[in-house]
Structures are given as C-alpha cells and as structure tokens.
C-alpha cells in the first residue's frame, strides 16, 4: 500500500474514535471507550506508516483538516451539532487548503 492509503485509514480511524469520545462519557461507558482506544491505536499506527512516504507537515495538515470536517459532519447528524455560516466557511477554507496542498504543492510529492 502507499502513503495515501495509509493516511486514509488513519483519518477514518481518527474520525471514528473522535466521534465515540462523547458517547464514552469520560471513559465510563465500556463499548464506546473500547472503540476510542482501538480507533486511536489504528490511527497512529497507520499514520506512522503514511509518514514513511508523506512529509510529516503535509500528512498532518491533511489528516487534521479532513478529520475536522468529517467529525463536524458526523456531529451534525449524530449529536445535532449546529454549524453556522462562519463554521461552514472555515471548514470550506480547510478543505480548500487540503486541495491546494494535494494539487499544487511539490512538498507533498516527497
């Protein structure tokens, strides 16, 4: 597998783990806590593999940016979190930044 696949798996793991943090109720609920711990374990393992071929700054920017947007979308549906216009604009800028990095930056080519 290549770095982009590892990074995608890391992002999915992080989004799942973060989405279950609230349900863990401060780690007092067993099943959500297990999902959080396993999710972050998977996340950091695959993120470490991704960083073997992706520069750390680029990988982290993509991981955190995409994670922020996906967690916010899940929180909207799962927890009724509202997103006002500034939040949506900010997330749009985050996505734009990720696109600029992937499409135009020579740093991501490693």
PDB file of N, CA and C in Angstrom:
ATOM      1  N   UNK A   1       0.844  -1.187   0.000  1.00  0.00           N
ATOM      2  CA  UNK A   1       0.000   0.000   0.000  1.00  0.00           C
ATOM      3  C   UNK A   1       0.883   1.242   0.000  1.00  0.00           C
ATOM      4  N   UNK A   2       0.316   2.332  -0.494  1.00  0.00           N
ATOM      5  CA  UNK A   2       1.088   3.567  -0.496  1.00  0.00           C
ATOM      6  C   UNK A   2       0.661   4.488   0.649  1.00  0.00           C
ATOM      7  N   UNK A   3       1.388   5.581   0.800  1.00  0.00           N
ATOM      8  CA  UNK A   3       1.149   6.501   1.900  1.00  0.00           C
ATOM      9  C   UNK A   3      -0.246   7.079   1.929  1.00  0.00           C
ATOM     10  N   UNK A   4      -0.815   7.343   0.765  1.00  0.00           N
ATOM     11  CA  UNK A   4      -2.157   7.927   0.714  1.00  0.00           C
ATOM     12  C   UNK A   4      -3.205   6.966   1.268  1.00  0.00           C
ATOM     13  N   UNK A   5      -3.045   5.681   1.008  1.00  0.00           N
ATOM     14  CA  UNK A   5      -3.978   4.682   1.543  1.00  0.00           C
ATOM     15  C   UNK A   5      -3.834   4.595   3.059  1.00  0.00           C
ATOM     16  N   UNK A   6      -2.588   4.554   3.537  1.00  0.00           N
ATOM     17  CA  UNK A   6      -2.363   4.541   4.979  1.00  0.00           C
ATOM     18  C   UNK A   6      -2.949   5.783   5.643  1.00  0.00           C
ATOM     19  N   UNK A   7      -2.773   6.927   4.991  1.00  0.00           N
ATOM     20  CA  UNK A   7      -3.311   8.173   5.540  1.00  0.00           C
ATOM     21  C   UNK A   7      -4.834   8.135   5.583  1.00  0.00           C
ATOM     22  N   UNK A   8      -5.460   7.600   4.553  1.00  0.00           N
ATOM     23  CA  UNK A   8      -6.926   7.489   4.535  1.00  0.00           C
ATOM     24  C   UNK A   8      -7.417   6.593   5.671  1.00  0.00           C
ATOM     25  N   UNK A   9      -6.731   5.483   5.902  1.00  0.00           N
ATOM     26  CA  UNK A   9      -7.114   4.591   7.002  1.00  0.00           C
ATOM     27  C   UNK A   9      -6.934   5.311   8.342  1.00  0.00           C
ATOM     28  N   UNK A  10      -5.842   6.060   8.478  1.00  0.00           N
ATOM     29  CA  UNK A  10      -5.603   6.818   9.715  1.00  0.00           C
ATOM     30  C   UNK A  10      -6.704   7.843   9.944  1.00  0.00           C
ATOM     31  N   UNK A  11      -7.126   8.511   8.895  1.00  0.00           N
ATOM     32  CA  UNK A  11      -8.190   9.516   9.012  1.00  0.00           C
ATOM     33  C   UNK A  11      -9.499   8.851   9.419  1.00  0.00           C
ATOM     34  N   UNK A  12      -9.832   7.746   8.798  1.00  0.00           N
ATOM     35  CA  UNK A  12     -11.075   7.039   9.141  1.00  0.00           C
ATOM     36  C   UNK A  12     -11.046   6.588  10.599  1.00  0.00           C
ATOM     37  N   UNK A  13      -9.921   6.038  11.035  1.00  0.00           N
ATOM     38  CA  UNK A  13      -9.794   5.614  12.428  1.00  0.00           C
ATOM     39  C   UNK A  13      -9.951   6.774  13.395  1.00  0.00           C
ATOM     40  N   UNK A  14      -9.343   7.904  13.063  1.00  0.00           N
ATOM     41  CA  UNK A  14      -9.429   9.084  13.927  1.00  0.00           C
ATOM     42  C   UNK A  14     -10.843   9.630  13.992  1.00  0.00           C
ATOM     43  N   UNK A  15     -11.525   9.647  12.864  1.00  0.00           N
ATOM     44  CA  UNK A  15     -12.895  10.159  12.822  1.00  0.00           C
ATOM     45  C   UNK A  15     -13.817   9.259  13.646  1.00  0.00           C
ATOM     46  N   UNK A  16     -13.663   7.965  13.516  1.00  0.00           N
ATOM     47  CA  UNK A  16     -14.480   7.032  14.306  1.00  0.00           C
ATOM     48  C   UNK A  16     -14.179   7.202  15.797  1.00  0.00           C
ATOM     49  N   UNK A  17     -12.899   7.215  16.151  1.00  0.00           N
ATOM     50  CA  UNK A  17     -12.527   7.334  17.564  1.00  0.00           C
ATOM     51  C   UNK A  17     -13.024   8.644  18.163  1.00  0.00           C
ATOM     52  N   UNK A  18     -12.824   9.734  17.463  1.00  0.00           N
ATOM     53  CA  UNK A  18     -13.255  11.036  17.971  1.00  0.00           C
ATOM     54  C   UNK A  18     -14.767  11.105  18.078  1.00  0.00           C
ATOM     55  N   UNK A  19     -15.460  10.510  17.139  1.00  0.00           N
ATOM     56  CA  UNK A  19     -16.920  10.518  17.169  1.00  0.00           C
ATOM     57  C   UNK A  19     -17.475   9.741  18.359  1.00  0.00           C
ATOM     58  N   UNK A  20     -16.728   8.779  18.858  1.00  0.00           N
ATOM     59  CA  UNK A  20     -17.173   7.989  20.005  1.00  0.00           C
ATOM     60  C   UNK A  20     -16.738   8.582  21.341  1.00  0.00           C
ATOM     61  N   UNK A  21     -15.915   9.627  21.330  1.00  0.00           N
ATOM     62  CA  UNK A  21     -15.466  10.212  22.596  1.00  0.00           C
ATOM     63  C   UNK A  21     -16.633  10.687  23.454  1.00  0.00           C
ATOM     64  N   UNK A  22     -17.582  11.367  22.843  1.00  0.00           N
ATOM     65  CA  UNK A  22     -18.720  11.872  23.609  1.00  0.00           C
ATOM     66  C   UNK A  22     -19.526  10.714  24.203  1.00  0.00           C
ATOM     67  N   UNK A  23     -19.738   9.672  23.401  1.00  0.00           N
ATOM     68  CA  UNK A  23     -20.514   8.520  23.872  1.00  0.00           C
ATOM     69  C   UNK A  23     -19.798   7.762  24.989  1.00  0.00           C
ATOM     70  N   UNK A  24     -18.478   7.920  25.088  1.00  0.00           N
ATOM     71  CA  UNK A  24     -17.747   7.220  26.145  1.00  0.00           C
ATOM     72  C   UNK A  24     -18.010   7.826  27.526  1.00  0.00           C
ATOM     73  N   UNK A  25     -18.604   9.011  27.567  1.00  0.00           N
ATOM     74  CA  UNK A  25     -18.936   9.686  28.841  1.00  0.00           C
ATOM     75  C   UNK A  25     -17.754   9.701  29.799  1.00  0.00           C
ATOM     76  N   UNK A  26     -16.640  10.259  29.319  1.00  0.00           N
ATOM     77  CA  UNK A  26     -15.454  10.319  30.175  1.00  0.00           C
ATOM     78  C   UNK A  26     -14.851   8.954  30.449  1.00  0.00           C
ATOM     79  N   UNK A  27     -14.960   8.065  29.497  1.00  0.00           N
ATOM     80  CA  UNK A  27     -14.456   6.692  29.588  1.00  0.00           C
ATOM     81  C   UNK A  27     -15.161   5.878  30.663  1.00  0.00           C
ATOM     82  N   UNK A  28     -16.429   6.184  30.899  1.00  0.00           N
ATOM     83  CA  UNK A  28     -17.209   5.394  31.859  1.00  0.00           C
ATOM     84  C   UNK A  28     -18.098   4.363  31.168  1.00  0.00           C
ATOM     85  N   UNK A  29     -18.235   4.458  29.857  1.00  0.00           N
ATOM     86  CA  UNK A  29     -19.032   3.504  29.079  1.00  0.00           C
ATOM     87  C   UNK A  29     -18.074   2.575  28.333  1.00  0.00           C
ATOM     88  N   UNK A  30     -18.153   1.285  28.597  1.00  0.00           N
ATOM     89  CA  UNK A  30     -17.152   0.331  28.122  1.00  0.00           C
ATOM     90  C   UNK A  30     -17.035   0.264  26.599  1.00  0.00           C
ATOM     91  N   UNK A  31     -18.125   0.018  25.900  1.00  0.00           N
ATOM     92  CA  UNK A  31     -18.037  -0.197  24.448  1.00  0.00           C
ATOM     93  C   UNK A  31     -17.524   1.055  23.719  1.00  0.00           C
ATOM     94  N   UNK A  32     -18.078   2.231  23.979  1.00  0.00           N
ATOM     95  CA  UNK A  32     -17.519   3.412  23.304  1.00  0.00           C
ATOM     96  C   UNK A  32     -16.049   3.660  23.666  1.00  0.00           C
ATOM     97  N   UNK A  33     -15.676   3.367  24.895  1.00  0.00           N
ATOM     98  CA  UNK A  33     -14.280   3.539  25.310  1.00  0.00           C
ATOM     99  C   UNK A  33     -13.372   2.604  24.526  1.00  0.00           C
ATOM    100  N   UNK A  34     -13.807   1.370  24.343  1.00  0.00           N
ATOM    101  CA  UNK A  34     -13.013   0.413  23.557  1.00  0.00           C
ATOM    102  C   UNK A  34     -12.871   0.901  22.120  1.00  0.00           C
ATOM    103  N   UNK A  35     -13.962   1.424  21.546  1.00  0.00           N
ATOM    104  CA  UNK A  35     -13.905   1.956  20.177  1.00  0.00           C
ATOM    105  C   UNK A  35     -12.911   3.117  20.097  1.00  0.00           C
ATOM    106  N   UNK A  36     -12.910   3.992  21.090  1.00  0.00           N
ATOM    107  CA  UNK A  36     -11.985   5.127  21.115  1.00  0.00           C
ATOM    108  C   UNK A  36     -10.540   4.644  21.175  1.00  0.00           C
ATOM    109  N   UNK A  37     -10.245   3.751  22.098  1.00  0.00           N
ATOM    110  CA  UNK A  37      -8.870   3.279  22.276  1.00  0.00           C
ATOM    111  C   UNK A  37      -8.379   2.534  21.028  1.00  0.00           C
ATOM    112  N   UNK A  38      -9.192   1.624  20.514  1.00  0.00           N
ATOM    113  CA  UNK A  38      -8.806   0.894  19.302  1.00  0.00           C
ATOM    114  C   UNK A  38      -8.684   1.836  18.104  1.00  0.00           C
ATOM    115  N   UNK A  39      -9.632   2.762  17.994  1.00  0.00           N
ATOM    116  CA  UNK A  39      -9.613   3.706  16.874  1.00  0.00           C
ATOM    117  C   UNK A  39      -8.355   4.538  16.848  1.00  0.00           C
ATOM    118  N   UNK A  40      -7.965   5.069  18.015  1.00  0.00           N
ATOM    119  CA  UNK A  40      -6.740   5.873  18.054  1.00  0.00           C
ATOM    120  C   UNK A  40      -5.495   5.014  17.871  1.00  0.00           C
ATOM    121  N   UNK A  41      -5.523   3.782  18.359  1.00  0.00           N
ATOM    122  CA  UNK A  41      -4.396   2.881  18.125  1.00  0.00           C
ATOM    123  C   UNK A  41      -4.197   2.623  16.641  1.00  0.00           C
ATOM    124  N   UNK A  42      -5.290   2.315  15.952  1.00  0.00           N
ATOM    125  CA  UNK A  42      -5.245   2.110  14.499  1.00  0.00           C
ATOM    126  C   UNK A  42      -4.790   3.383  13.805  1.00  0.00           C
ATOM    127  N   UNK A  43      -5.326   4.505  14.257  1.00  0.00           N
ATOM    128  CA  UNK A  43      -4.985   5.789  13.654  1.00  0.00           C
ATOM    129  C   UNK A  43      -3.491   6.049  13.694  1.00  0.00           C
ATOM    130  N   UNK A  44      -2.908   5.962  14.867  1.00  0.00           N
ATOM    131  CA  UNK A  44      -1.493   6.306  14.980  1.00  0.00           C
ATOM    132  C   UNK A  44      -0.588   5.276  14.317  1.00  0.00           C
ATOM    133  N   UNK A  45      -0.999   4.024  14.292  1.00  0.00           N
ATOM    134  CA  UNK A  45      -0.214   3.025  13.581  1.00  0.00           C
ATOM    135  C   UNK A  45      -0.175   3.346  12.084  1.00  0.00           C
ATOM    136  N   UNK A  46      -1.352   3.560  11.488  1.00  0.00           N
ATOM    137  CA  UNK A  46      -1.388   3.816  10.050  1.00  0.00           C
ATOM    138  C   UNK A  46      -0.843   5.199   9.697  1.00  0.00           C
ATOM    139  N   UNK A  47      -0.981   6.165  10.606  1.00  0.00           N
ATOM    140  CA  UNK A  47      -0.391   7.480  10.352  1.00  0.00           C
ATOM    141  C   UNK A  47       1.130   7.368  10.343  1.00  0.00           C
ATOM    142  N   UNK A  48       1.683   6.542  11.229  1.00  0.00           N
ATOM    143  CA  UNK A  48       3.135   6.349  11.230  1.00  0.00           C
ATOM    144  C   UNK A  48       3.605   5.691   9.934  1.00  0.00           C
ATOM    145  N   UNK A  49       2.806   4.783   9.391  1.00  0.00           N
ATOM    146  CA  UNK A  49       3.158   4.172   8.104  1.00  0.00           C
ATOM    147  C   UNK A  49       3.066   5.192   6.976  1.00  0.00           C
ATOM    148  N   UNK A  50       2.036   6.028   7.019  1.00  0.00           N
ATOM    149  CA  UNK A  50       1.868   7.058   5.974  1.00  0.00           C
ATOM    150  C   UNK A  50       3.053   8.007   5.965  1.00  0.00           C
ATOM    151  N   UNK A  51       3.593   8.312   7.144  1.00  0.00           N
ATOM    152  CA  UNK A  51       4.682   9.280   7.231  1.00  0.00           C
ATOM    153  C   UNK A  51       6.010   8.737   6.737  1.00  0.00           C
ATOM    154  N   UNK A  52       6.048   7.468   6.363  1.00  0.00           N
ATOM    155  CA  UNK A  52       7.255   6.925   5.747  1.00  0.00           C
ATOM    156  C   UNK A  52       7.414   7.450   4.323  1.00  0.00           C
ATOM    157  N   UNK A  53       6.292   7.869   3.697  1.00  0.00           N
ATOM    158  CA  UNK A  53       6.370   8.366   2.317  1.00  0.00           C
ATOM    159  C   UNK A  53       5.776   9.760   2.145  1.00  0.00           C
ATOM    160  N   UNK A  54       5.073  10.262   3.155  1.00  0.00           N
ATOM    161  CA  UNK A  54       4.471  11.590   3.090  1.00  0.00           C
ATOM    162  C   UNK A  54       5.184  12.473   4.107  1.00  0.00           C
ATOM    163  N   UNK A  55       5.603  13.684   3.717  1.00  0.00           N
ATOM    164  CA  UNK A  55       6.235  14.580   4.695  1.00  0.00           C
ATOM    165  C   UNK A  55       5.305  14.841   5.886  1.00  0.00           C
ATOM    166  N   UNK A  56       5.871  14.918   7.076  1.00  0.00           N
ATOM    167  CA  UNK A  56       5.076  14.994   8.293  1.00  0.00           C
ATOM    168  C   UNK A  56       4.151  16.215   8.305  1.00  0.00           C
ATOM    169  N   UNK A  57       4.615  17.361   7.879  1.00  0.00           N
ATOM    170  CA  UNK A  57       3.772  18.564   7.883  1.00  0.00           C
ATOM    171  C   UNK A  57       2.598  18.444   6.937  1.00  0.00           C
ATOM    172  N   UNK A  58       2.849  17.899   5.766  1.00  0.00           N
ATOM    173  CA  UNK A  58       1.796  17.707   4.771  1.00  0.00           C
ATOM    174  C   UNK A  58       0.807  16.655   5.264  1.00  0.00           C
ATOM    175  N   UNK A  59       1.319  15.544   5.760  1.00  0.00           N
ATOM    176  CA  UNK A  59       0.453  14.478   6.259  1.00  0.00           C
ATOM    177  C   UNK A  59      -0.423  14.959   7.400  1.00  0.00           C
ATOM    178  N   UNK A  60       0.171  15.714   8.322  1.00  0.00           N
ATOM    179  CA  UNK A  60      -0.591  16.195   9.458  1.00  0.00           C
ATOM    180  C   UNK A  60      -1.649  17.210   9.032  1.00  0.00           C
ATOM    181  N   UNK A  61      -1.308  18.072   8.085  1.00  0.00           N
ATOM    182  CA  UNK A  61      -2.282  19.055   7.598  1.00  0.00           C
ATOM    183  C   UNK A  61      -3.487  18.361   6.972  1.00  0.00           C
ATOM    184  N   UNK A  62      -3.239  17.353   6.166  1.00  0.00           N
ATOM    185  CA  UNK A  62      -4.329  16.621   5.528  1.00  0.00           C
ATOM    186  C   UNK A  62      -5.130  15.841   6.568  1.00  0.00           C
ATOM    187  N   UNK A  63      -4.440  15.133   7.449  1.00  0.00           N
ATOM    188  CA  UNK A  63      -5.088  14.322   8.482  1.00  0.00           C
ATOM    189  C   UNK A  63      -5.984  15.171   9.370  1.00  0.00           C
ATOM    190  N   UNK A  64      -5.443  16.261   9.875  1.00  0.00           N
ATOM    191  CA  UNK A  64      -6.233  17.087  10.785  1.00  0.00           C
ATOM    192  C   UNK A  64      -7.339  17.837  10.058  1.00  0.00           C
ATOM    193  N   UNK A  65      -7.058  18.353   8.870  1.00  0.00           N
ATOM    194  CA  UNK A  65      -8.074  19.103   8.130  1.00  0.00           C
ATOM    195  C   UNK A  65      -9.262  18.254   7.727  1.00  0.00           C
ATOM    196  N   UNK A  66      -8.998  17.126   7.135  1.00  0.00           N
ATOM    197  CA  UNK A  66     -10.086  16.244   6.718  1.00  0.00           C
ATOM    198  C   UNK A  66     -10.814  15.705   7.953  1.00  0.00           C
ATOM    199  N   UNK A  67     -10.059  15.402   9.007  1.00  0.00           N
ATOM    200  CA  UNK A  67     -10.675  14.918  10.243  1.00  0.00           C
ATOM    201  C   UNK A  67     -11.629  15.932  10.855  1.00  0.00           C
ATOM    202  N   UNK A  68     -11.233  17.205  10.878  1.00  0.00           N
ATOM    203  CA  UNK A  68     -12.092  18.257  11.433  1.00  0.00           C
ATOM    204  C   UNK A  68     -13.420  18.310  10.682  1.00  0.00           C
ATOM    205  N   UNK A  69     -13.341  18.303   9.379  1.00  0.00           N
ATOM    206  CA  UNK A  69     -14.552  18.410   8.565  1.00  0.00           C
ATOM    207  C   UNK A  69     -15.440  17.178   8.756  1.00  0.00           C
ATOM    208  N   UNK A  70     -14.864  15.988   8.689  1.00  0.00           N
ATOM    209  CA  UNK A  70     -15.671  14.769   8.818  1.00  0.00           C
ATOM    210  C   UNK A  70     -16.279  14.624  10.213  1.00  0.00           C
ATOM    211  N   UNK A  71     -15.523  14.951  11.251  1.00  0.00           N
ATOM    212  CA  UNK A  71     -16.071  14.869  12.610  1.00  0.00           C
ATOM    213  C   UNK A  71     -17.208  15.871  12.772  1.00  0.00           C
ATOM    214  N   UNK A  72     -17.071  17.045  12.202  1.00  0.00           N
ATOM    215  CA  UNK A  72     -18.140  18.048  12.285  1.00  0.00           C
ATOM    216  C   UNK A  72     -19.401  17.591  11.571  1.00  0.00           C
ATOM    217  N   UNK A  73     -19.246  16.947  10.438  1.00  0.00           N
ATOM    218  CA  UNK A  73     -20.406  16.429   9.711  1.00  0.00           C
ATOM    219  C   UNK A  73     -21.083  15.319  10.513  1.00  0.00           C
ATOM    220  N   UNK A  74     -20.295  14.417  11.062  1.00  0.00           N
ATOM    221  CA  UNK A  74     -20.863  13.333  11.874  1.00  0.00           C
ATOM    222  C   UNK A  74     -21.553  13.908  13.115  1.00  0.00           C
ATOM    223  N   UNK A  75     -20.940  14.892  13.757  1.00  0.00           N
ATOM    224  CA  UNK A  75     -21.538  15.505  14.950  1.00  0.00           C
ATOM    225  C   UNK A  75     -22.855  16.200  14.604  1.00  0.00           C
ATOM    226  N   UNK A  76     -22.957  16.726  13.413  1.00  0.00           N
ATOM    227  CA  UNK A  76     -24.208  17.356  12.974  1.00  0.00           C
ATOM    228  C   UNK A  76     -25.338  16.327  12.962  1.00  0.00           C
ATOM    229  N   UNK A  77     -25.063  15.163  12.386  1.00  0.00           N
ATOM    230  CA  UNK A  77     -26.090  14.137  12.265  1.00  0.00           C
ATOM    231  C   UNK A  77     -26.278  13.329  13.553  1.00  0.00           C
ATOM    232  N   UNK A  78     -25.188  12.975  14.234  1.00  0.00           N
ATOM    233  CA  UNK A  78     -25.285  12.101  15.398  1.00  0.00           C
ATOM    234  C   UNK A  78     -25.681  12.839  16.677  1.00  0.00           C
ATOM    235  N   UNK A  79     -25.211  14.079  16.824  1.00  0.00           N
ATOM    236  CA  UNK A  79     -25.421  14.794  18.081  1.00  0.00           C
ATOM    237  C   UNK A  79     -26.208  16.092  17.914  1.00  0.00           C
ATOM    238  N   UNK A  80     -26.644  16.383  16.707  1.00  0.00           N
ATOM    239  CA  UNK A  80     -27.419  17.600  16.474  1.00  0.00           C
ATOM    240  C   UNK A  80     -26.602  18.874  16.594  1.00  0.00           C
ATOM    241  N   UNK A  81     -25.284  18.768  16.443  1.00  0.00           N
ATOM    242  CA  UNK A  81     -24.427  19.954  16.494  1.00  0.00           C
ATOM    243  C   UNK A  81     -24.785  20.876  15.343  1.00  0.00           C
ATOM    244  N   UNK A  82     -24.996  22.133  15.640  1.00  0.00           N
ATOM    245  CA  UNK A  82     -25.321  23.075  14.577  1.00  0.00           C
ATOM    246  C   UNK A  82     -24.050  23.722  14.045  1.00  0.00           C
ATOM    247  N   UNK A  83     -24.063  24.002  12.769  1.00  0.00           N
ATOM    248  CA  UNK A  83     -22.932  24.648  12.122  1.00  0.00           C
ATOM    249  C   UNK A  83     -23.426  25.950  11.500  1.00  0.00           C
ATOM    250  N   UNK A  84     -22.960  27.076  12.045  1.00  0.00           N
ATOM    251  CA  UNK A  84     -23.377  28.359  11.494  1.00  0.00           C
ATOM    252  C   UNK A  84     -22.510  28.709  10.283  1.00  0.00           C
ATOM    253  N   UNK A  85     -22.829  29.825   9.658  1.00  0.00           N
ATOM    254  CA  UNK A  85     -22.131  30.224   8.435  1.00  0.00           C
ATOM    255  C   UNK A  85     -20.620  30.358   8.645  1.00  0.00           C
ATOM    256  N   UNK A  86     -20.149  31.027   9.704  1.00  0.00           N
ATOM    257  CA  UNK A  86     -18.694  31.101   9.880  1.00  0.00           C
ATOM    258  C   UNK A  86     -18.032  29.723  10.022  1.00  0.00           C
ATOM    259  N   UNK A  87     -18.710  28.790  10.699  1.00  0.00           N
ATOM    260  CA  UNK A  87     -18.153  27.443  10.826  1.00  0.00           C
ATOM    261  C   UNK A  87     -18.066  26.763   9.461  1.00  0.00           C
ATOM    262  N   UNK A  88     -19.103  26.906   8.673  1.00  0.00           N
ATOM    263  CA  UNK A  88     -19.099  26.305   7.337  1.00  0.00           C
ATOM    264  C   UNK A  88     -18.045  26.939   6.429  1.00  0.00           C
ATOM    265  N   UNK A  89     -17.916  28.259   6.512  1.00  0.00           N
ATOM    266  CA  UNK A  89     -16.891  28.947   5.713  1.00  0.00           C
ATOM    267  C   UNK A  89     -15.504  28.479   6.148  1.00  0.00           C
ATOM    268  N   UNK A  90     -15.289  28.395   7.453  1.00  0.00           N
ATOM    269  CA  UNK A  90     -13.997  27.934   7.956  1.00  0.00           C
ATOM    270  C   UNK A  90     -13.665  26.531   7.495  1.00  0.00           C
ATOM    271  N   UNK A  91     -14.648  25.649   7.537  1.00  0.00           N
ATOM    272  CA  UNK A  91     -14.414  24.273   7.071  1.00  0.00           C
ATOM    273  C   UNK A  91     -14.172  24.244   5.563  1.00  0.00           C
ATOM    274  N   UNK A  92     -14.861  25.122   4.836  1.00  0.00           N
ATOM    275  CA  UNK A  92     -14.594  25.229   3.404  1.00  0.00           C
ATOM    276  C   UNK A  92     -13.164  25.667   3.136  1.00  0.00           C
ATOM    277  N   UNK A  93     -12.658  26.582   3.949  1.00  0.00           N
ATOM    278  CA  UNK A  93     -11.267  27.016   3.802  1.00  0.00           C
ATOM    279  C   UNK A  93     -10.285  25.904   4.142  1.00  0.00           C
ATOM    280  N   UNK A  94     -10.630  25.105   5.152  1.00  0.00           N
ATOM    281  CA  UNK A  94      -9.789  23.956   5.491  1.00  0.00           C
ATOM    282  C   UNK A  94      -9.724  22.994   4.309  1.00  0.00           C
ATOM    283  N   UNK A  95     -10.874  22.680   3.746  1.00  0.00           N
ATOM    284  CA  UNK A  95     -10.895  21.782   2.580  1.00  0.00           C
ATOM    285  C   UNK A  95     -10.139  22.385   1.408  1.00  0.00           C
ATOM    286  N   UNK A  96     -10.284  23.689   1.204  1.00  0.00           N
ATOM    287  CA  UNK A  96      -9.546  24.354   0.132  1.00  0.00           C
ATOM    288  C   UNK A  96      -8.044  24.221   0.367  1.00  0.00           C
ATOM    289  N   UNK A  97      -7.617  24.367   1.608  1.00  0.00           N
ATOM    290  CA  UNK A  97      -6.203  24.206   1.926  1.00  0.00           C
ATOM    291  C   UNK A  97      -5.699  22.806   1.638  1.00  0.00           C
ATOM    292  N   UNK A  98      -6.490  21.806   1.991  1.00  0.00           N
ATOM    293  CA  UNK A  98      -6.107  20.420   1.704  1.00  0.00           C
ATOM    294  C   UNK A  98      -5.999  20.208   0.197  1.00  0.00           C
ATOM    295  N   UNK A  99      -6.949  20.764  -0.553  1.00  0.00           N
ATOM    296  CA  UNK A  99      -6.895  20.636  -2.015  1.00  0.00           C
ATOM    297  C   UNK A  99      -5.668  21.332  -2.592  1.00  0.00           C
ATOM    298  N   UNK A 100      -5.355  22.525  -2.104  1.00  0.00           N
ATOM    299  CA  UNK A 100      -4.179  23.247  -2.595  1.00  0.00           C
ATOM    300  C   UNK A 100      -2.914  22.430  -2.334  1.00  0.00           C
ATOM    301  N   UNK A 101      -2.815  21.871  -1.136  1.00  0.00           N
ATOM    302  CA  UNK A 101      -1.640  21.049  -0.807  1.00  0.00           C
ATOM    303  C   UNK A 101      -1.537  19.869  -1.775  1.00  0.00           C
ATOM    304  N   UNK A 102      -2.643  19.175  -1.988  1.00  0.00           N
ATOM    305  CA  UNK A 102      -2.599  17.967  -2.825  1.00  0.00           C
ATOM    306  C   UNK A 102      -2.429  18.269  -4.299  1.00  0.00           C
ATOM    307  N   UNK A 103      -3.014  19.354  -4.770  1.00  0.00           N
ATOM    308  CA  UNK A 103      -2.989  19.629  -6.197  1.00  0.00           C
ATOM    309  C   UNK A 103      -1.793  20.456  -6.650  1.00  0.00           C
ATOM    310  N   UNK A 104      -1.292  21.346  -5.796  1.00  0.00           N
ATOM    311  CA  UNK A 104      -0.294  22.307  -6.249  1.00  0.00           C
ATOM    312  C   UNK A 104       1.045  22.256  -5.521  1.00  0.00           C
ATOM    313  N   UNK A 105       1.084  21.691  -4.332  1.00  0.00           N
ATOM    314  CA  UNK A 105       2.332  21.703  -3.570  1.00  0.00           C
ATOM    315  C   UNK A 105       3.269  20.606  -4.058  1.00  0.00           C
ATOM    316  N   UNK A 106       4.509  20.996  -4.282  1.00  0.00           N
ATOM    317  CA  UNK A 106       5.520  19.997  -4.637  1.00  0.00           C
ATOM    318  C   UNK A 106       6.057  19.310  -3.388  1.00  0.00           C
ATOM    319  N   UNK A 107       5.745  19.861  -2.221  1.00  0.00           N
ATOM    320  CA  UNK A 107       6.175  19.256  -0.962  1.00  0.00           C
ATOM    321  C   UNK A 107       5.513  17.911  -0.738  1.00  0.00           C
ATOM    322  N   UNK A 108       4.272  17.759  -1.212  1.00  0.00           N
ATOM    323  CA  UNK A 108       3.566  16.509  -0.978  1.00  0.00           C
ATOM    324  C   UNK A 108       4.064  15.372  -1.857  1.00  0.00           C
ATOM    325  N   UNK A 109       4.857  15.685  -2.879  1.00  0.00           N
ATOM    326  CA  UNK A 109       5.373  14.652  -3.782  1.00  0.00           C
ATOM    327  C   UNK A 109       6.480  13.839  -3.111  1.00  0.00           C
ATOM    328  N   UNK A 110       7.171  14.412  -2.120  1.00  0.00           N
ATOM    329  CA  UNK A 110       8.257  13.797  -1.350  1.00  0.00           C
ATOM    330  C   UNK A 110       9.263  13.235  -2.267  1.00  0.00           C
TER     331      UNK A 110
END
